Amino acid sequence: MSNAKPNLLECAVNSRLTPYLFGFLGWTLMWQFQVFLTKAIPPLDFALGVSLIFLPAGIRTLSVLIFGFKGAVGVFFGAMLSTLEYMGHVASMDFAVHTVIGAISAFSAWVAMVAVCHIRKIDDDLSQIGFDDVLAIVFSQGLLSATLHQCIFRWFHFDAAFETESWQQISMLWGAMAIGDIVGSMIVLLSAISVVHFLKSATR
């Protein structure tokens, strides 16, 4: 029987706090990078609250895929901070609304994943998940999150762009947000897969 003690990395991975910290720190750091990216490439900012490439969505997807509901809780607290930072100036939105937006950002991804796994009969441990399943999860997350966000933005008059009565404009805002979430998720997921493959090949 081996008496070897787990190393620091194993302790960190197996810690009860890891799912929450991964979601929180991952979202927070990626949000700051998103702010930098938007300033560097202004056309990515389609409208206030709508980005054509939203990288934090990828952290959200990774968090719920790896850690499930606990990962979503971590994302929730990170999303709360970023929402207060980004939307704190909007007079029609109080702390309760910011909380709802943070919850939508985090838990809509978890709900979408659970729904897709149920429909496609994927085990809870995701051991049988395939790339097409991941695509279904990413697309459903993007569509659900965009729909709920657009409803909140419009209801609380987040910006003049969301007060339009034009269905074409409404569809464009919704579509841009959904695309931004989906593209951002795929970029982060594919990057994570590439890093894992590189590390595996480097240790052989």
Protein backbone atom coordinates (compact mmCIF):
# COMPACT_ATOMS: atom_id res chain seq x y z
CA MET A 1 0.00 0.00 0.00
CA SER A 2 1.37 3.39 -0.98
CA ASN A 3 1.68 5.99 1.79
CA ALA A 4 2.58 8.80 -0.60
CA LYS A 5 0.93 12.05 0.35
CA PRO A 6 -0.95 13.97 -2.34
CA ASN A 7 1.04 16.85 -3.77
CA LEU A 8 -0.05 20.48 -3.70
CA LEU A 9 -1.69 20.28 -7.14
CA GLU A 10 -3.76 17.24 -6.15
CA CYS A 11 -4.85 18.96 -2.94
CA ALA A 12 -5.91 22.05 -4.89
CA VAL A 13 -7.85 20.04 -7.49
CA ASN A 14 -9.61 17.97 -4.84
CA SER A 15 -10.39 20.89 -2.52
CA ARG A 16 -14.05 21.56 -1.80
CA LEU A 17 -13.49 25.20 -2.71
CA THR A 18 -12.02 24.49 -6.14
CA PRO A 19 -15.34 24.43 -8.09
CA TYR A 20 -16.38 27.77 -6.64
CA LEU A 21 -12.95 29.37 -7.07
CA PHE A 22 -12.64 28.09 -10.63
CA GLY A 23 -15.96 29.66 -11.59
CA PHE A 24 -15.38 32.89 -9.68
CA LEU A 25 -11.75 33.54 -10.58
CA GLY A 26 -12.12 32.22 -14.11
CA TRP A 27 -15.07 34.51 -14.85
CA THR A 28 -13.45 37.52 -13.13
CA LEU A 29 -10.14 37.19 -14.98
CA MET A 30 -11.80 36.51 -18.32
CA TRP A 31 -14.12 39.48 -17.79
CA GLN A 32 -11.12 41.77 -17.31
CA PHE A 33 -9.60 40.36 -20.49
CA GLN A 34 -12.93 40.93 -22.25
CA VAL A 35 -12.87 44.59 -21.18
CA PHE A 36 -9.34 44.93 -22.55
CA LEU A 37 -10.27 43.18 -25.79
CA THR A 38 -13.32 45.39 -26.33
CA LYS A 39 -11.24 48.53 -25.83
CA ALA A 40 -8.60 47.21 -28.23
CA ILE A 41 -11.17 46.16 -30.87
CA PRO A 42 -14.21 48.50 -30.52
CA PRO A 43 -16.28 46.83 -33.32
CA LEU A 44 -16.67 43.79 -31.04
CA ASP A 45 -18.94 45.92 -28.84
CA PHE A 46 -22.18 45.58 -30.82
CA ALA A 47 -24.28 47.44 -28.24
CA LEU A 48 -24.18 48.17 -24.52
CA GLY A 49 -24.17 44.72 -22.91
CA VAL A 50 -23.80 42.90 -26.24
CA SER A 51 -20.42 41.69 -27.52
CA LEU A 52 -19.85 39.79 -30.75
CA ILE A 53 -17.25 37.64 -28.97
CA PHE A 54 -17.99 37.13 -25.27
CA LEU A 55 -15.15 35.06 -23.81
CA PRO A 56 -16.50 34.77 -20.23
CA ALA A 57 -19.21 32.54 -21.70
CA GLY A 58 -16.49 29.96 -22.28
CA ILE A 59 -15.51 29.98 -18.61
CA ARG A 60 -19.18 29.58 -17.75
CA THR A 61 -19.41 26.53 -20.01
CA LEU A 62 -16.21 24.99 -18.65
CA SER A 63 -17.33 25.57 -15.07
CA VAL A 64 -20.64 23.75 -15.46
CA LEU A 65 -19.15 20.97 -17.59
CA ILE A 66 -16.39 20.24 -15.08
CA PHE A 67 -18.00 21.12 -11.75
CA GLY A 68 -21.74 21.22 -12.42
CA PHE A 69 -23.91 23.34 -10.14
CA LYS A 70 -20.99 24.25 -7.85
CA GLY A 71 -19.14 25.72 -10.81
CA ALA A 72 -22.23 27.76 -11.67
CA VAL A 73 -22.31 29.14 -8.12
CA GLY A 74 -18.74 30.36 -8.51
CA VAL A 75 -19.61 31.98 -11.83
CA PHE A 76 -22.61 33.64 -10.18
CA PHE A 77 -20.46 35.56 -7.71
CA GLY A 78 -18.02 36.55 -10.45
CA ALA A 79 -20.88 37.65 -12.69
CA MET A 80 -22.34 39.68 -9.83
CA LEU A 81 -19.13 41.70 -9.54
CA SER A 82 -18.81 42.25 -13.28
CA THR A 83 -22.48 43.24 -13.54
CA LEU A 84 -22.10 45.83 -10.79
CA GLU A 85 -18.96 47.15 -12.48
CA TYR A 86 -20.53 47.31 -15.94
CA MET A 87 -24.12 48.27 -15.14
CA GLY A 88 -23.83 50.06 -11.82
CA HIS A 89 -24.49 53.40 -13.52
CA VAL A 90 -27.92 52.37 -14.88
CA ALA A 91 -30.48 54.16 -12.70
CA SER A 92 -33.31 51.72 -13.44
CA MET A 93 -31.31 48.76 -12.13
CA ASP A 94 -30.92 48.18 -8.39
CA PHE A 95 -28.99 45.48 -6.53
CA ALA A 96 -31.84 42.98 -6.94
CA VAL A 97 -31.78 43.37 -10.73
CA HIS A 98 -27.99 42.99 -10.76
CA THR A 99 -28.44 39.79 -8.78
CA VAL A 100 -30.96 38.47 -11.30
CA ILE A 101 -28.60 39.26 -14.19
CA GLY A 102 -25.73 37.51 -12.40
CA ALA A 103 -27.98 34.50 -11.81
CA ILE A 104 -28.98 34.40 -15.47
CA SER A 105 -25.33 34.55 -16.53
CA ALA A 106 -24.42 31.60 -14.31
CA PHE A 107 -27.39 29.31 -13.86
CA SER A 108 -28.87 29.50 -17.36
CA ALA A 109 -25.74 27.66 -18.51
CA TRP A 110 -26.25 24.94 -15.90
CA VAL A 111 -29.96 24.59 -16.74
CA ALA A 112 -29.17 24.32 -20.46
CA MET A 113 -26.53 21.66 -19.81
CA VAL A 114 -28.86 19.61 -17.61
CA ALA A 115 -31.64 19.85 -20.21
CA VAL A 116 -29.37 18.77 -23.07
CA CYS A 117 -27.95 15.88 -21.03
CA HIS A 118 -31.47 14.74 -20.15
CA ILE A 119 -32.72 14.93 -23.74
CA ARG A 120 -29.64 13.20 -25.16
CA LYS A 121 -29.53 10.67 -22.28
CA ILE A 122 -26.00 11.58 -21.15
CA ASP A 123 -24.88 10.20 -17.77
CA ASP A 124 -24.40 12.61 -14.87
CA ASP A 125 -20.63 12.06 -14.89
CA LEU A 126 -20.54 13.10 -18.60
CA SER A 127 -18.37 10.05 -19.35
CA GLN A 128 -20.19 9.44 -22.63
CA ILE A 129 -20.30 13.04 -23.80
CA GLY A 130 -19.16 13.68 -27.37
CA PHE A 131 -18.20 16.77 -29.32
CA ASP A 132 -21.68 17.00 -30.84
CA ASP A 133 -23.13 16.97 -27.32
CA VAL A 134 -20.80 19.79 -26.31
CA LEU A 135 -21.92 21.77 -29.36
CA ALA A 136 -25.56 21.23 -28.39
CA ILE A 137 -24.82 22.46 -24.86
CA VAL A 138 -22.93 25.52 -26.09
CA PHE A 139 -25.65 26.51 -28.56
CA SER A 140 -28.46 25.98 -26.04
CA GLN A 141 -26.57 27.99 -23.43
CA GLY A 142 -26.03 30.85 -25.86
CA LEU A 143 -29.66 30.94 -26.97
CA LEU A 144 -31.10 30.70 -23.45
CA SER A 145 -28.75 33.26 -21.94
CA ALA A 146 -29.32 35.74 -24.77
CA THR A 147 -33.10 35.37 -24.52
CA LEU A 148 -33.21 35.94 -20.76
CA HIS A 149 -30.73 38.82 -20.86
CA GLN A 150 -32.64 40.58 -23.62
CA CYS A 151 -35.87 40.31 -21.63
CA ILE A 152 -34.23 41.86 -18.56
CA PHE A 153 -32.47 44.60 -20.55
CA ARG A 154 -35.70 45.55 -22.28
CA TRP A 155 -37.88 45.40 -19.17
CA PHE A 156 -35.57 47.62 -17.09
CA HIS A 157 -34.65 50.04 -19.91
CA PHE A 158 -30.97 49.15 -19.76
CA ASP A 159 -30.20 51.24 -22.83
CA ALA A 160 -32.13 53.10 -25.54
CA ALA A 161 -31.20 50.37 -28.03
CA PHE A 162 -33.40 47.89 -26.13
CA GLU A 163 -36.47 50.15 -26.12
CA THR A 164 -37.03 49.78 -29.85
CA GLU A 165 -40.33 48.42 -31.16
CA SER A 166 -38.66 47.14 -34.32
CA TRP A 167 -38.61 43.35 -34.40
CA GLN A 168 -35.67 43.54 -36.78
CA GLN A 169 -33.63 45.51 -34.24
CA ILE A 170 -34.74 43.22 -31.40
CA SER A 171 -33.73 40.17 -33.44
CA MET A 172 -30.35 41.71 -34.27
CA LEU A 173 -29.58 42.43 -30.61
CA TRP A 174 -30.69 38.95 -29.56
CA GLY A 175 -28.78 37.27 -32.39
CA ALA A 176 -25.62 39.27 -31.73
CA MET A 177 -25.64 38.31 -28.04
CA ALA A 178 -26.31 34.63 -28.79
CA ILE A 179 -23.54 34.55 -31.40
CA GLY A 180 -21.15 36.31 -29.03
CA ASP A 181 -21.80 33.73 -26.32
CA ILE A 182 -21.48 30.77 -28.69
CA VAL A 183 -18.30 32.03 -30.37
CA GLY A 184 -16.75 32.98 -27.03
CA SER A 185 -17.54 29.56 -25.58
CA MET A 186 -16.07 27.72 -28.56
CA ILE A 187 -12.86 29.78 -28.49
CA VAL A 188 -12.29 29.06 -24.80
CA LEU A 189 -13.25 25.37 -25.06
CA LEU A 190 -11.04 24.72 -28.08
CA SER A 191 -8.19 26.62 -26.42
CA ALA A 192 -8.57 24.52 -23.27
CA ILE A 193 -8.59 21.30 -25.30
CA SER A 194 -5.45 22.41 -27.17
CA VAL A 195 -3.65 23.18 -23.90
CA VAL A 196 -4.58 19.78 -22.45
CA HIS A 197 -3.36 17.98 -25.57
CA PHE A 198 -0.12 19.98 -25.53
CA LEU A 199 0.54 19.19 -21.87
CA LYS A 200 -0.15 15.50 -22.47
CA SER A 201 2.25 15.36 -25.41
CA ALA A 202 4.89 17.33 -23.47
CA THR A 203 4.85 14.87 -20.56
CA ARG A 204 5.25 11.75 -22.69
